[in-house]
Amino acid sequence: MEVDAKLQAIRAAGLPTSGEELNAYYTAVPDNENAALVMIQAFALMRDFPDSRSNQVANFKIPSREQLLTSEQKNLLSGYVEMNSAALAKMREAIKLPESRYPVDYCPGPGTLLPHLGKLRRLAIIVSYKSFLESGSGDTTNAVFDIENLCGMAQTLDQEPDMIAQLVRIALIAIAENSLDHCFNVNSLNESELAGLAFAFSQVEKTNLMRQALIGELAINAPVFQLVRSRPKSAVELVEGAQQVGGFSTHTLDFWLIRKPGFFRATGFWDRDFLFYLNTLETNIALDNFPPPKSLVAADNFKKVDETVGRKNYYLSKMFLAALSSAITKEASSFAYLRTSIAAIAVERFRLANGRLPKNLNELVPQFLSAVPADPFDGQPLRYHHLEKGYVIYSIGSDGEDNGGRERPANVKSTDRTHYYITFTVER
């Protein structure tokens, strides 16, 4: 009864509780205004090398700012970019359109197919290679144009109501920030170019997108809970392949769920799990109405949830809620990428106008910034200091401690657990 009442309240608030309802909730867009439909045409035009060069491209890593591309690397990337010129032209056509909705059917729930996301990220990497080459050759006009295109590509995901889409959007923002970082380290831009970049990056920062993703997660996953209430075997299928789930092996779950289903129905085992899931998402959807750092309370809540689900044997909640804490933190990181970029653009505009670097970010107000951007992790102004050559702007990141802006190395290993800051460094 509690579960049914909760679902009715969610629907009464105008929110979806199934994939079918999510399809209707996801606002329709006229085809002639839909950037996503044209972007899909761009995906169809993407090409790859027919030989071993495809592996070289796939494994290519952008070098650190003090390293230059070899002639072989330039030829490889130039050929790859040229091969995809038609796809890039179609992408530029797409991002000029005012709205975007990718043709996704959420009815399959967790099995929903999202093939466009990987293709969008791949296309963004091609754009970043193009910008990288143009920055290196001093073609600042086209390098800036490409960075602005990356911002536009990220915006095609603004209204996507699923967590994976929002995480890809965050990845595209990081690619744009990295491309801007490289451009600033090898070039001086004019005022028109800098003003265009300031506008492009300012358009990307939007609040409540993660809230929309959490609403989508609820709608996508809720039918699974309802399914296992009537078909307990489905839960075993969901956790098949996992060695341990909440302290029980899948063999143990199989025994209890299939051979003793009456016990779970009589005790409301799955209803308890479902109610916990609904209450958790309801709380955190409300918290994510606020921009960071207030929204980071939701990340802390998800961490506490991880302790509860194991103790209470909420198997499905454990599966569906496990990754959401890191997703909220990644959203705050995307704000940090954007705000450090916007601040760096303002520093470069100040340098161009005054022939020197500002002593602090307050010197940028009000001519180049309306206010110094806040660090999304603690609400304080972004940190800034001069280097022996150039400057660094940084966010303290998720650990909440300021140790001077330790930058993540370009060749950092996956096993490295050091906490690095979200930095924008210009050594020029």
Protein backbone atom coordinates (compact mmCIF):
# COMPACT_ATOMS: atom_id res chain seq x y z
CA MET A 1 0.00 0.00 0.00
CA GLU A 2 2.82 2.39 0.82
CA VAL A 3 4.53 1.62 -2.48
CA ASP A 4 1.36 2.14 -4.49
CA ALA A 5 0.63 5.41 -2.67
CA LYS A 6 4.17 6.63 -3.35
CA LEU A 7 3.86 5.82 -7.06
CA GLN A 8 0.54 7.63 -7.25
CA ALA A 9 2.08 10.70 -5.58
CA ILE A 10 4.96 10.70 -8.06
CA ARG A 11 2.54 10.56 -11.00
CA ALA A 12 0.38 13.28 -9.42
CA ALA A 13 3.47 15.51 -9.35
CA GLY A 14 3.73 15.05 -13.12
CA LEU A 15 6.76 12.74 -12.99
CA PRO A 16 7.14 9.40 -14.83
CA THR A 17 7.22 5.97 -13.16
CA SER A 18 7.87 3.79 -16.21
CA GLY A 19 9.74 3.85 -19.50
CA GLU A 20 6.51 4.46 -21.37
CA GLU A 21 5.68 7.44 -19.16
CA LEU A 22 9.26 8.70 -19.53
CA ASN A 23 8.86 8.71 -23.32
CA ALA A 24 5.89 11.06 -22.91
CA TYR A 25 7.65 13.14 -20.22
CA TYR A 26 10.66 13.70 -22.51
CA THR A 27 9.41 16.78 -24.41
CA ALA A 28 8.85 16.27 -28.12
CA VAL A 29 10.77 18.44 -30.58
CA PRO A 30 9.69 19.35 -34.14
CA ASP A 31 11.86 17.48 -36.64
CA ASN A 32 12.91 20.66 -38.42
CA GLU A 33 14.26 22.09 -35.13
CA ASN A 34 15.82 18.90 -33.78
CA ALA A 35 19.63 18.97 -33.67
CA ALA A 36 19.76 15.32 -32.60
CA LEU A 37 18.27 14.05 -35.88
CA VAL A 38 20.90 15.88 -37.92
CA MET A 39 23.62 14.75 -35.50
CA ILE A 40 22.63 11.15 -36.17
CA GLN A 41 23.22 11.85 -39.87
CA ALA A 42 26.70 13.04 -38.90
CA PHE A 43 27.33 9.75 -37.08
CA ALA A 44 26.50 7.84 -40.25
CA LEU A 45 29.20 9.79 -42.09
CA MET A 46 32.00 8.97 -39.64
CA ARG A 47 34.83 6.93 -41.12
CA ASP A 48 37.83 5.01 -39.83
CA PHE A 49 41.10 3.87 -41.37
CA PRO A 50 40.87 0.44 -43.01
CA ASP A 51 44.28 -0.61 -41.67
CA SER A 52 46.40 -0.56 -38.51
CA ARG A 53 46.10 3.23 -38.31
CA SER A 54 42.63 2.72 -36.81
CA ASN A 55 44.29 1.20 -33.73
CA GLN A 56 46.80 4.05 -33.59
CA VAL A 57 43.96 6.58 -33.55
CA ALA A 58 42.02 4.59 -30.95
CA ASN A 59 45.06 4.49 -28.65
CA PHE A 60 46.24 8.05 -29.27
CA LYS A 61 46.67 10.23 -26.20
CA ILE A 62 46.89 14.00 -26.42
CA PRO A 63 50.40 14.89 -25.19
CA SER A 64 51.00 17.19 -22.25
CA ARG A 65 51.36 20.90 -22.95
CA GLU A 66 55.18 20.85 -23.02
CA GLN A 67 55.27 18.11 -25.67
CA LEU A 68 54.95 18.60 -29.41
CA LEU A 69 53.40 16.25 -31.93
CA THR A 70 55.80 14.28 -34.08
CA SER A 71 55.41 14.54 -37.84
CA GLU A 72 53.99 10.99 -37.87
CA GLN A 73 51.37 11.94 -35.27
CA LYS A 74 50.42 15.08 -37.22
CA ASN A 75 49.98 13.06 -40.41
CA LEU A 76 47.91 10.44 -38.59
CA LEU A 77 45.52 12.97 -37.02
CA SER A 78 45.34 15.17 -40.10
CA GLY A 79 44.36 12.19 -42.24
CA TYR A 80 41.77 11.08 -39.69
CA VAL A 81 40.22 14.54 -39.45
CA GLU A 82 40.16 14.97 -43.23
CA MET A 83 38.53 11.56 -43.64
CA ASN A 84 35.72 12.75 -41.36
CA SER A 85 35.23 16.21 -42.87
CA ALA A 86 31.72 15.36 -44.08
CA ALA A 87 30.69 14.21 -40.60
CA LEU A 88 32.11 17.40 -39.10
CA ALA A 89 30.21 19.56 -41.58
CA LYS A 90 26.96 17.78 -40.75
CA MET A 91 27.68 18.21 -37.01
CA ARG A 92 28.06 21.97 -37.50
CA GLU A 93 24.74 21.99 -39.31
CA ALA A 94 23.15 20.13 -36.38
CA ILE A 95 24.26 22.40 -33.55
CA LYS A 96 22.77 25.44 -35.27
CA LEU A 97 19.28 24.05 -34.58
CA PRO A 98 17.52 25.36 -31.44
CA GLU A 99 16.29 22.11 -29.81
CA SER A 100 17.49 18.54 -29.37
CA ARG A 101 15.92 15.20 -28.56
CA TYR A 102 17.54 11.92 -29.52
CA PRO A 103 15.07 9.22 -30.68
CA VAL A 104 15.28 6.94 -27.63
CA ASP A 105 12.60 4.48 -26.52
CA TYR A 106 12.81 4.00 -22.75
CA CYS A 107 10.21 1.21 -22.58
CA PRO A 108 12.88 -1.54 -22.19
CA GLY A 109 13.94 0.05 -18.88
CA PRO A 110 17.54 -0.84 -17.93
CA GLY A 111 17.85 -2.51 -21.34
CA THR A 112 17.28 0.77 -23.20
CA LEU A 113 19.67 1.14 -26.14
CA LEU A 114 21.71 4.36 -26.34
CA PRO A 115 24.02 3.87 -29.33
CA HIS A 116 24.17 7.59 -30.08
CA LEU A 117 26.17 8.36 -26.94
CA GLY A 118 29.33 6.50 -27.92
CA LYS A 119 29.15 7.97 -31.42
CA LEU A 120 28.73 11.49 -30.06
CA ARG A 121 31.80 11.10 -27.86
CA ARG A 122 33.82 9.69 -30.76
CA LEU A 123 32.84 12.65 -32.95
CA ALA A 124 33.80 15.06 -30.15
CA ILE A 125 37.25 13.48 -29.99
CA ILE A 126 37.66 14.05 -33.74
CA VAL A 127 36.76 17.71 -33.21
CA SER A 128 39.31 17.95 -30.39
CA TYR A 129 42.01 16.51 -32.67
CA LYS A 130 41.15 19.12 -35.29
CA SER A 131 41.36 21.90 -32.71
CA PHE A 132 44.63 20.51 -31.40
CA LEU A 133 46.20 20.53 -34.87
CA GLU A 134 44.95 24.05 -35.62
CA SER A 135 46.20 25.40 -32.29
CA GLY A 136 49.61 23.93 -33.01
CA SER A 137 49.74 25.58 -36.43
CA GLY A 138 48.59 28.97 -35.12
CA ASP A 139 45.19 28.83 -36.82
CA THR A 140 43.41 30.32 -33.83
CA THR A 141 40.23 31.24 -35.72
CA ASN A 142 39.41 27.63 -36.59
CA ALA A 143 40.74 26.25 -33.29
CA VAL A 144 38.32 28.52 -31.42
CA PHE A 145 35.50 27.58 -33.78
CA ASP A 146 36.09 23.89 -32.99
CA ILE A 147 36.05 24.50 -29.23
CA GLU A 148 32.76 26.36 -29.60
CA ASN A 149 31.46 23.36 -31.57
CA LEU A 150 32.37 21.06 -28.69
CA CYS A 151 30.26 23.23 -26.38
CA GLY A 152 27.38 22.98 -28.85
CA MET A 153 27.70 19.19 -29.03
CA ALA A 154 27.47 18.93 -25.25
CA GLN A 155 24.29 21.02 -25.32
CA THR A 156 22.53 18.48 -27.56
CA LEU A 157 22.37 16.28 -24.43
CA ASP A 158 20.90 18.93 -22.12
CA GLN A 159 17.39 17.47 -22.02
CA GLU A 160 18.27 13.76 -22.11
CA PRO A 161 16.53 12.19 -19.08
CA ASP A 162 19.00 9.39 -18.34
CA MET A 163 22.16 9.21 -16.27
CA ILE A 164 24.44 7.84 -18.98
CA ALA A 165 23.61 10.73 -21.31
CA GLN A 166 24.43 13.27 -18.60
CA LEU A 167 27.74 11.55 -17.86
CA VAL A 168 28.63 11.71 -21.56
CA ARG A 169 27.67 15.40 -21.53
CA ILE A 170 30.13 15.91 -18.66
CA ALA A 171 32.82 14.05 -20.65
CA LEU A 172 32.26 16.39 -23.62
CA ILE A 173 32.63 19.43 -21.36
CA ALA A 174 35.97 18.05 -20.14
CA ILE A 175 37.09 17.57 -23.77
CA ALA A 176 36.17 21.20 -24.55
CA GLU A 177 38.06 22.43 -21.47
CA ASN A 178 41.14 20.40 -22.40
CA SER A 179 41.06 21.77 -25.96
CA LEU A 180 40.81 25.33 -24.63
CA ASP A 181 43.68 24.69 -22.21
CA HIS A 182 45.91 23.54 -25.07
CA CYS A 183 44.92 26.48 -27.28
CA PHE A 184 45.78 29.02 -24.56
CA ASN A 185 49.17 27.43 -23.92
CA VAL A 186 50.37 27.84 -27.50
CA ASN A 187 48.53 30.93 -28.74
CA SER A 188 47.48 34.47 -27.90
CA LEU A 189 43.89 35.09 -29.02
CA ASN A 190 42.27 38.33 -30.06
CA GLU A 191 39.35 39.95 -28.24
CA SER A 192 36.74 38.73 -30.71
CA GLU A 193 37.89 35.11 -30.33
CA LEU A 194 37.98 35.36 -26.54
CA ALA A 195 34.54 36.97 -26.35
CA GLY A 196 33.11 34.19 -28.52
CA LEU A 197 34.60 31.54 -26.23
CA ALA A 198 33.26 33.32 -23.14
CA PHE A 199 29.77 33.22 -24.60
CA ALA A 200 30.02 29.56 -25.68
CA PHE A 201 31.16 28.30 -22.28
CA SER A 202 28.63 30.44 -20.41
CA GLN A 203 25.81 28.77 -22.37
CA VAL A 204 26.83 25.27 -21.29
CA GLU A 205 26.46 25.68 -17.52
CA LYS A 206 22.96 24.59 -16.52
CA THR A 207 21.55 23.46 -13.19
CA ASN A 208 18.94 20.73 -12.64
CA LEU A 209 20.21 18.45 -15.42
CA MET A 210 21.27 15.79 -12.92
CA ARG A 211 17.86 16.12 -11.25
CA GLN A 212 16.30 15.27 -14.60
CA ALA A 213 18.63 12.28 -14.92
CA LEU A 214 17.56 11.01 -11.48
CA ILE A 215 13.91 11.35 -12.50
CA GLY A 216 14.71 9.29 -15.57
CA GLU A 217 16.55 6.66 -13.49
CA LEU A 218 13.47 6.22 -11.31
CA ALA A 219 11.22 5.75 -14.35
CA ILE A 220 13.64 3.36 -16.05
CA ASN A 221 14.21 1.14 -13.02
CA ALA A 222 10.84 1.22 -11.19
CA PRO A 223 9.23 -1.40 -13.49
CA VAL A 224 11.98 -3.86 -12.55
CA PHE A 225 10.87 -3.78 -8.92
CA GLN A 226 7.27 -4.33 -10.02
CA LEU A 227 8.34 -7.21 -12.22
CA VAL A 228 10.11 -9.14 -9.47
CA ARG A 229 7.11 -8.73 -7.18
CA SER A 230 5.15 -10.95 -9.58
CA ARG A 231 8.01 -12.91 -11.15
CA PRO A 232 10.73 -13.52 -8.52
CA LYS A 233 12.91 -15.42 -10.97
CA SER A 234 13.55 -12.13 -12.76
CA ALA A 235 15.69 -10.94 -9.85
CA VAL A 236 18.03 -13.87 -10.31
CA GLU A 237 18.34 -13.06 -14.01
CA LEU A 238 19.25 -9.49 -13.13
CA VAL A 239 22.10 -10.47 -10.82
CA GLU A 240 23.26 -13.43 -12.90
CA GLY A 241 27.00 -13.40 -13.31
CA ALA A 242 27.65 -11.53 -10.07
CA GLN A 243 29.64 -13.55 -7.54
CA GLN A 244 28.24 -11.75 -4.53
CA VAL A 245 25.15 -9.58 -4.07
CA GLY A 246 24.58 -8.14 -0.64
CA GLY A 247 26.56 -10.97 0.93
CA PHE A 248 24.60 -13.75 -0.83
CA SER A 249 25.81 -15.71 -3.82
CA THR A 250 23.54 -15.90 -6.85
CA HIS A 251 23.12 -19.61 -6.11
CA THR A 252 21.68 -18.75 -2.69
CA LEU A 253 19.39 -16.13 -4.22
CA ASP A 254 18.25 -18.64 -6.81
CA PHE A 255 17.25 -21.08 -4.06
CA TRP A 256 15.28 -18.56 -2.02
CA LEU A 257 13.70 -16.61 -4.87
CA ILE A 258 12.62 -19.49 -7.06
CA ARG A 259 11.94 -22.26 -4.54
CA LYS A 260 10.58 -20.06 -1.76
CA PRO A 261 8.80 -17.21 -3.58
CA GLY A 262 5.84 -17.27 -1.18
CA PHE A 263 8.10 -16.16 1.66
CA PHE A 264 9.11 -12.99 -0.22
CA ARG A 265 5.56 -12.15 -1.25
CA ALA A 266 4.17 -12.77 2.24
CA THR A 267 6.82 -10.65 3.97
CA GLY A 268 6.78 -7.83 1.41
CA PHE A 269 10.51 -8.32 0.85
CA TRP A 270 10.55 -6.68 -2.58
CA ASP A 271 8.10 -3.97 -1.51
CA ARG A 272 10.49 -2.89 1.26
CA ASP A 273 13.30 -2.76 -1.27
CA PHE A 274 11.15 -0.78 -3.73
CA LEU A 275 9.93 1.69 -1.08
CA PHE A 276 13.51 2.33 0.02
CA TYR A 277 14.51 3.00 -3.60
CA LEU A 278 11.62 5.41 -4.17
CA ASN A 279 12.23 7.30 -0.93
CA THR A 280 15.96 7.59 -1.62
CA LEU A 281 15.47 9.00 -5.10
CA GLU A 282 12.68 11.32 -3.97
CA THR A 283 14.98 12.85 -1.35
CA ASN A 284 17.92 13.24 -3.68
CA ILE A 285 15.87 14.58 -6.59
CA ALA A 286 14.74 17.35 -4.21
CA LEU A 287 18.33 18.02 -3.11
CA ASP A 288 19.55 18.25 -6.70
CA ASN A 289 17.21 21.19 -7.28
CA PHE A 290 20.08 23.25 -5.90
CA PRO A 291 23.40 23.97 -7.64
CA PRO A 292 26.59 22.69 -6.03
CA PRO A 293 27.87 22.73 -3.37
CA LYS A 294 24.36 22.30 -1.89
CA SER A 295 23.58 19.48 -4.32
CA LEU A 296 26.61 17.56 -3.01
CA VAL A 297 24.49 16.66 0.02
CA ALA A 298 22.82 14.21 -2.37
CA ALA A 299 26.19 12.55 -3.01
CA ASP A 300 26.69 12.14 0.75
CA ASN A 301 23.20 10.66 1.04
CA PHE A 302 23.96 8.10 -1.65
CA LYS A 303 27.12 7.08 0.22
CA LYS A 304 25.06 6.49 3.39
CA VAL A 305 22.56 4.51 1.31
CA ASP A 306 25.34 2.12 0.32
CA GLU A 307 25.73 1.14 3.97
CA THR A 308 21.98 0.66 4.47
CA VAL A 309 21.28 -1.50 1.42
CA GLY A 310 23.76 -4.15 2.54
CA ARG A 311 22.48 -4.24 6.10
CA LYS A 312 18.82 -4.39 5.06
CA ASN A 313 19.34 -6.78 2.09
CA TYR A 314 17.91 -4.36 -0.46
CA TYR A 315 19.34 -6.22 -3.43
CA LEU A 316 17.81 -4.24 -6.30
CA SER A 317 18.38 -0.88 -4.61
CA LYS A 318 22.03 -1.86 -4.20
CA MET A 319 22.30 -2.51 -7.93
CA PHE A 320 20.56 0.66 -9.08
CA LEU A 321 21.85 3.18 -6.52
CA ALA A 322 25.52 2.15 -6.33
CA ALA A 323 26.86 4.51 -9.00
CA LEU A 324 24.72 7.56 -8.28
CA SER A 325 26.97 9.09 -5.61
CA SER A 326 29.86 9.41 -8.05
CA ALA A 327 27.48 10.79 -10.70
CA ILE A 328 26.52 13.73 -8.44
CA THR A 329 30.20 14.44 -7.79
CA LYS A 330 30.95 14.29 -11.52
CA GLU A 331 28.25 16.89 -12.10
CA ALA A 332 30.06 19.22 -9.69
CA SER A 333 33.27 18.49 -11.61
CA SER A 334 31.58 19.61 -14.83
CA PHE A 335 30.77 22.95 -13.16
CA ALA A 336 34.44 23.19 -12.18
CA TYR A 337 35.58 22.54 -15.77
CA LEU A 338 33.27 25.26 -17.03
CA ARG A 339 34.03 27.83 -14.37
CA THR A 340 37.81 27.46 -14.53
CA SER A 341 37.53 27.82 -18.33
CA ILE A 342 35.38 30.95 -18.04
CA ALA A 343 37.81 32.44 -15.52
CA ALA A 344 40.81 31.64 -17.74
CA ILE A 345 39.12 33.30 -20.72
CA ALA A 346 38.61 36.41 -18.56
CA VAL A 347 42.28 36.33 -17.50
CA GLU A 348 43.36 36.21 -21.15
CA ARG A 349 41.05 39.12 -22.02
CA PHE A 350 42.56 41.10 -19.12
CA ARG A 351 46.09 40.24 -20.27
CA LEU A 352 45.26 41.33 -23.83
CA ALA A 353 43.83 44.65 -22.60
CA ASN A 354 46.47 45.45 -19.98
CA GLY A 355 49.64 43.70 -21.09
CA ARG A 356 49.97 41.80 -17.79
CA LEU A 357 48.30 39.09 -15.76
CA PRO A 358 45.82 40.12 -13.05
CA LYS A 359 47.12 40.00 -9.49
CA ASN A 360 43.94 38.20 -8.47
CA LEU A 361 40.60 37.26 -10.00
CA ASN A 362 38.86 40.23 -8.41
CA GLU A 363 40.64 42.45 -10.94
CA LEU A 364 38.51 40.83 -13.63
CA VAL A 365 35.29 42.21 -12.10
CA PRO A 366 33.19 43.83 -13.53
CA GLN A 367 34.80 44.32 -16.97
CA PHE A 368 35.39 40.66 -17.81
CA LEU A 369 33.37 38.82 -15.14
CA SER A 370 30.21 39.84 -13.32
CA ALA A 371 31.64 38.01 -10.27
CA VAL A 372 34.47 35.61 -9.57
CA PRO A 373 33.08 32.09 -10.26
CA ALA A 374 32.49 29.96 -7.18
CA ASP A 375 34.23 26.65 -6.61
CA PRO A 376 31.38 24.10 -6.86
CA PHE A 377 32.91 21.98 -4.11
CA ASP A 378 32.97 24.55 -1.31
CA GLY A 379 31.25 27.69 -2.63
CA GLN A 380 34.37 29.83 -2.22
CA PRO A 381 35.84 31.79 -5.16
CA LEU A 382 37.97 29.73 -7.51
CA ARG A 383 41.65 29.72 -6.53
CA TYR A 384 44.23 31.52 -8.67
CA HIS A 385 47.94 32.11 -8.42
CA HIS A 386 50.88 32.95 -10.65
CA LEU A 387 53.41 30.37 -11.74
CA GLU A 388 57.04 30.99 -12.67
CA LYS A 389 55.62 31.32 -16.15
CA GLY A 390 51.87 31.84 -16.47
CA TYR A 391 49.15 30.98 -13.96
CA VAL A 392 46.81 28.30 -12.64
CA ILE A 393 43.11 28.50 -11.79
CA TYR A 394 41.70 25.58 -9.88
CA SER A 395 38.87 23.98 -7.94
CA ILE A 396 39.78 22.04 -4.81
CA GLY A 397 37.73 19.04 -5.92
CA SER A 398 35.85 16.46 -3.93
CA ASP A 399 38.21 16.08 -0.96
CA GLY A 400 37.51 19.68 0.12
CA GLU A 401 41.13 20.54 0.94
CA ASP A 402 43.25 23.23 -0.68
CA ASN A 403 46.84 22.10 -1.14
CA GLY A 404 47.85 24.54 -3.85
CA GLY A 405 46.28 23.14 -7.00
CA ARG A 406 47.99 19.81 -7.65
CA GLU A 407 47.47 19.09 -11.36
CA ARG A 408 46.61 15.65 -12.71
CA PRO A 409 49.58 14.36 -14.79
CA ALA A 410 48.90 13.53 -18.44
CA ASN A 411 50.30 10.01 -17.99
CA VAL A 412 48.67 9.20 -14.65
CA LYS A 413 48.11 5.49 -14.05
CA SER A 414 44.65 4.05 -13.41
CA THR A 415 45.92 2.67 -10.08
CA ASP A 416 46.95 6.14 -8.86
CA ARG A 417 44.72 7.12 -5.91
CA THR A 418 46.23 10.59 -5.40
CA HIS A 419 43.69 13.39 -5.19
CA TYR A 420 44.24 15.87 -8.01
CA TYR A 421 42.53 19.22 -8.44
CA ILE A 422 40.50 20.41 -11.39
CA THR A 423 42.97 22.85 -12.86
CA PHE A 424 43.31 25.21 -15.78
CA THR A 425 47.01 25.93 -16.25
CA VAL A 426 48.52 28.35 -18.75
CA GLU A 427 52.31 28.37 -18.90
CA ARG A 428 52.71 31.28 -21.27
